[in-house]
Amino acid sequence: QVQLVESGGGLVQPGGSLRLSCEASGRIFSGNAGAWYRQAPGKERELVARISSSGMTIYADSVRGRFTISGDNAKNTLYLQMTSLKGEDTAVYYCNAETRWGVALGSWGQGTQVTVST
């Protein structure tokens, strides 16, 4: 199964920015949707953003206007540009490729920790 490795997380102050990357070991994003999820301590994993194979995007209400999802099929990589970060964005962020019905296609990685704090 295709492996996914997330990177780019870290500690950032409120209002700051980060760019997350998700590199796949195979061409899993080509022809499929890509998605970012996050899980905060004590909470369930939630969808943050999804980009379809045609480039259509959807965002969680809590991040719309602040986060941007994009992909580079040639590099088998999915990105999440995060701006105007808030404390409530603190979580472990995960990525995956999905079918049009939302079925995950890759093996879930370890995620990348994003901490927004002063």
C-alpha atoms as a PDB file:
ATOM      1  CA  GLN A   1       0.000   0.000   0.000  1.00  0.00           C
ATOM      2  CA  VAL A   2       1.159   3.530  -0.720  1.00  0.00           C
ATOM      3  CA  GLN A   3       2.855   5.222   2.210  1.00  0.00           C
ATOM      4  CA  LEU A   4       2.235   8.838   3.142  1.00  0.00           C
ATOM      5  CA  VAL A   5       4.624  11.113   5.014  1.00  0.00           C
ATOM      6  CA  GLU A   6       3.450  14.429   6.395  1.00  0.00           C
ATOM      7  CA  SER A   7       5.863  17.242   7.226  1.00  0.00           C
ATOM      8  CA  GLY A   8       6.033  20.967   7.827  1.00  0.00           C
ATOM      9  CA  GLY A   9       4.399  21.201  11.220  1.00  0.00           C
ATOM     10  CA  GLY A  10       5.830  23.031  14.181  1.00  0.00           C
ATOM     11  CA  LEU A  11       5.286  25.659  16.828  1.00  0.00           C
ATOM     12  CA  VAL A  12       3.937  28.962  15.568  1.00  0.00           C
ATOM     13  CA  GLN A  13       2.459  32.030  17.204  1.00  0.00           C
ATOM     14  CA  PRO A  14      -1.169  32.994  16.674  1.00  0.00           C
ATOM     15  CA  GLY A  15      -1.527  34.779  13.378  1.00  0.00           C
ATOM     16  CA  GLY A  16       1.407  32.931  11.876  1.00  0.00           C
ATOM     17  CA  SER A  17       1.617  30.644   8.874  1.00  0.00           C
ATOM     18  CA  LEU A  18       2.781  27.144   8.058  1.00  0.00           C
ATOM     19  CA  ARG A  19       2.885  25.031   4.931  1.00  0.00           C
ATOM     20  CA  LEU A  20       2.322  21.330   5.342  1.00  0.00           C
ATOM     21  CA  SER A  21       3.461  18.764   2.802  1.00  0.00           C
ATOM     22  CA  CYS A  22       2.294  15.221   2.244  1.00  0.00           C
ATOM     23  CA  GLU A  23       4.543  13.052   0.110  1.00  0.00           C
ATOM     24  CA  ALA A  24       3.281   9.753  -1.228  1.00  0.00           C
ATOM     25  CA  SER A  25       5.442   6.787  -2.174  1.00  0.00           C
ATOM     26  CA  GLY A  26       3.406   6.265  -5.323  1.00  0.00           C
ATOM     27  CA  ARG A  27       1.110   8.033  -7.751  1.00  0.00           C
ATOM     28  CA  ILE A  28      -1.838   7.876  -5.393  1.00  0.00           C
ATOM     29  CA  PHE A  29      -3.106  11.405  -5.935  1.00  0.00           C
ATOM     30  CA  SER A  30      -3.304  11.157  -9.697  1.00  0.00           C
ATOM     31  CA  GLY A  31      -6.960  10.750 -10.618  1.00  0.00           C
ATOM     32  CA  ASN A  32      -8.069  10.763  -6.984  1.00  0.00           C
ATOM     33  CA  ALA A  33      -8.993  13.321  -4.378  1.00  0.00           C
ATOM     34  CA  GLY A  34      -6.530  14.474  -1.753  1.00  0.00           C
ATOM     35  CA  ALA A  35      -7.533  15.389   1.767  1.00  0.00           C
ATOM     36  CA  TRP A  36      -6.117  16.801   4.977  1.00  0.00           C
ATOM     37  CA  TYR A  37      -7.515  15.836   8.347  1.00  0.00           C
ATOM     38  CA  ARG A  38      -6.597  16.856  11.870  1.00  0.00           C
ATOM     39  CA  GLN A  39      -7.047  15.458  15.312  1.00  0.00           C
ATOM     40  CA  ALA A  40      -6.768  17.496  18.464  1.00  0.00           C
ATOM     41  CA  PRO A  41      -6.271  15.886  21.893  1.00  0.00           C
ATOM     42  CA  GLY A  42      -9.477  14.343  23.128  1.00  0.00           C
ATOM     43  CA  LYS A  43     -11.298  14.973  19.871  1.00  0.00           C
ATOM     44  CA  GLU A  44     -12.167  12.906  16.832  1.00  0.00           C
ATOM     45  CA  ARG A  45     -10.325  13.250  13.553  1.00  0.00           C
ATOM     46  CA  GLU A  46     -11.989  15.876  11.374  1.00  0.00           C
ATOM     47  CA  LEU A  47     -11.770  16.802   7.732  1.00  0.00           C
ATOM     48  CA  VAL A  48      -9.924  20.060   7.158  1.00  0.00           C
ATOM     49  CA  ALA A  49      -9.823  20.308   3.369  1.00  0.00           C
ATOM     50  CA  ARG A  50     -10.270  18.181   0.269  1.00  0.00           C
ATOM     51  CA  ILE A  51      -9.315  18.700  -3.349  1.00  0.00           C
ATOM     52  CA  SER A  52     -10.901  16.627  -6.074  1.00  0.00           C
ATOM     53  CA  SER A  53      -9.120  15.195  -9.089  1.00  0.00           C
ATOM     54  CA  SER A  54     -10.559  18.094 -11.105  1.00  0.00           C
ATOM     55  CA  GLY A  55      -9.261  20.678  -8.663  1.00  0.00           C
ATOM     56  CA  MET A  56     -12.478  21.491  -6.814  1.00  0.00           C
ATOM     57  CA  THR A  57     -11.888  22.249  -3.155  1.00  0.00           C
ATOM     58  CA  ILE A  58     -13.931  22.114   0.025  1.00  0.00           C
ATOM     59  CA  TYR A  59     -12.958  23.353   3.462  1.00  0.00           C
ATOM     60  CA  ALA A  60     -14.181  23.003   6.990  1.00  0.00           C
ATOM     61  CA  ASP A  61     -16.032  26.123   8.073  1.00  0.00           C
ATOM     62  CA  SER A  62     -13.425  26.735  10.745  1.00  0.00           C
ATOM     63  CA  VAL A  63     -10.570  27.084   8.229  1.00  0.00           C
ATOM     64  CA  ARG A  64     -12.245  28.484   5.127  1.00  0.00           C
ATOM     65  CA  GLY A  65     -10.505  31.631   3.988  1.00  0.00           C
ATOM     66  CA  ARG A  66      -7.370  30.834   5.987  1.00  0.00           C
ATOM     67  CA  PHE A  67      -6.214  27.474   4.601  1.00  0.00           C
ATOM     68  CA  THR A  68      -5.504  26.474   1.015  1.00  0.00           C
ATOM     69  CA  ILE A  69      -5.146  22.912  -0.239  1.00  0.00           C
ATOM     70  CA  SER A  70      -3.215  22.146  -3.397  1.00  0.00           C
ATOM     71  CA  GLY A  71      -1.404  19.293  -5.020  1.00  0.00           C
ATOM     72  CA  ASP A  72       1.415  18.481  -7.397  1.00  0.00           C
ATOM     73  CA  ASN A  73       0.729  15.167  -9.099  1.00  0.00           C
ATOM     74  CA  ALA A  74       4.155  15.154 -10.725  1.00  0.00           C
ATOM     75  CA  LYS A  75       5.713  15.150  -7.247  1.00  0.00           C
ATOM     76  CA  ASN A  76       3.061  12.891  -5.679  1.00  0.00           C
ATOM     77  CA  THR A  77       2.658  15.603  -3.057  1.00  0.00           C
ATOM     78  CA  LEU A  78      -0.276  17.311  -1.384  1.00  0.00           C
ATOM     79  CA  TYR A  79       0.058  20.669   0.361  1.00  0.00           C
ATOM     80  CA  LEU A  80      -1.835  22.658   2.947  1.00  0.00           C
ATOM     81  CA  GLN A  81      -1.009  26.333   3.243  1.00  0.00           C
ATOM     82  CA  MET A  82      -2.198  27.617   6.603  1.00  0.00           C
ATOM     83  CA  THR A  83      -2.395  31.311   7.453  1.00  0.00           C
ATOM     84  CA  SER A  84      -3.835  33.372  10.308  1.00  0.00           C
ATOM     85  CA  LEU A  85      -3.366  30.393  12.583  1.00  0.00           C
ATOM     86  CA  LYS A  86      -5.357  30.197  15.803  1.00  0.00           C
ATOM     87  CA  GLY A  87      -4.969  28.221  18.984  1.00  0.00           C
ATOM     88  CA  GLU A  88      -7.836  25.976  17.966  1.00  0.00           C
ATOM     89  CA  ASP A  89      -5.839  24.884  14.917  1.00  0.00           C
ATOM     90  CA  THR A  90      -3.490  23.006  17.244  1.00  0.00           C
ATOM     91  CA  ALA A  91      -3.658  19.343  16.280  1.00  0.00           C
ATOM     92  CA  VAL A  92      -1.881  16.526  14.505  1.00  0.00           C
ATOM     93  CA  TYR A  93      -2.488  16.873  10.787  1.00  0.00           C
ATOM     94  CA  TYR A  94      -2.842  13.850   8.499  1.00  0.00           C
ATOM     95  CA  CYS A  95      -3.274  13.454   4.774  1.00  0.00           C
ATOM     96  CA  ASN A  96      -4.554  10.815   2.421  1.00  0.00           C
ATOM     97  CA  ALA A  97      -5.804  10.236  -1.071  1.00  0.00           C
ATOM     98  CA  GLU A  98      -9.430   9.259  -1.397  1.00  0.00           C
ATOM     99  CA  THR A  99     -11.859   7.914  -3.924  1.00  0.00           C
ATOM    100  CA  ARG A 100     -14.780  10.106  -4.931  1.00  0.00           C
ATOM    101  CA  TRP A 101     -16.753   8.324  -2.219  1.00  0.00           C
ATOM    102  CA  GLY A 102     -14.257   9.242   0.483  1.00  0.00           C
ATOM    103  CA  VAL A 103     -12.547   5.877   0.840  1.00  0.00           C
ATOM    104  CA  ALA A 104      -8.933   6.294   1.924  1.00  0.00           C
ATOM    105  CA  LEU A 105      -6.410   4.832  -0.487  1.00  0.00           C
ATOM    106  CA  GLY A 106      -3.106   5.085   1.347  1.00  0.00           C
ATOM    107  CA  SER A 107      -1.692   3.980   4.632  1.00  0.00           C
ATOM    108  CA  TRP A 108      -2.166   6.660   7.267  1.00  0.00           C
ATOM    109  CA  GLY A 109       1.110   8.273   8.249  1.00  0.00           C
ATOM    110  CA  GLN A 110       2.296   9.524  11.615  1.00  0.00           C
ATOM    111  CA  GLY A 111       0.977  12.987  10.933  1.00  0.00           C
ATOM    112  CA  THR A 112       2.671  16.284  11.649  1.00  0.00           C
ATOM    113  CA  GLN A 113       2.093  18.246  14.840  1.00  0.00           C
ATOM    114  CA  VAL A 114       0.953  21.841  14.554  1.00  0.00           C
ATOM    115  CA  THR A 115       0.991  23.856  17.751  1.00  0.00           C
ATOM    116  CA  VAL A 116      -0.276  27.426  17.789  1.00  0.00           C
ATOM    117  CA  SER A 117       0.746  29.161  20.970  1.00  0.00           C
ATOM    118  CA  THR A 118       2.498  32.178  22.392  1.00  0.00           C
END
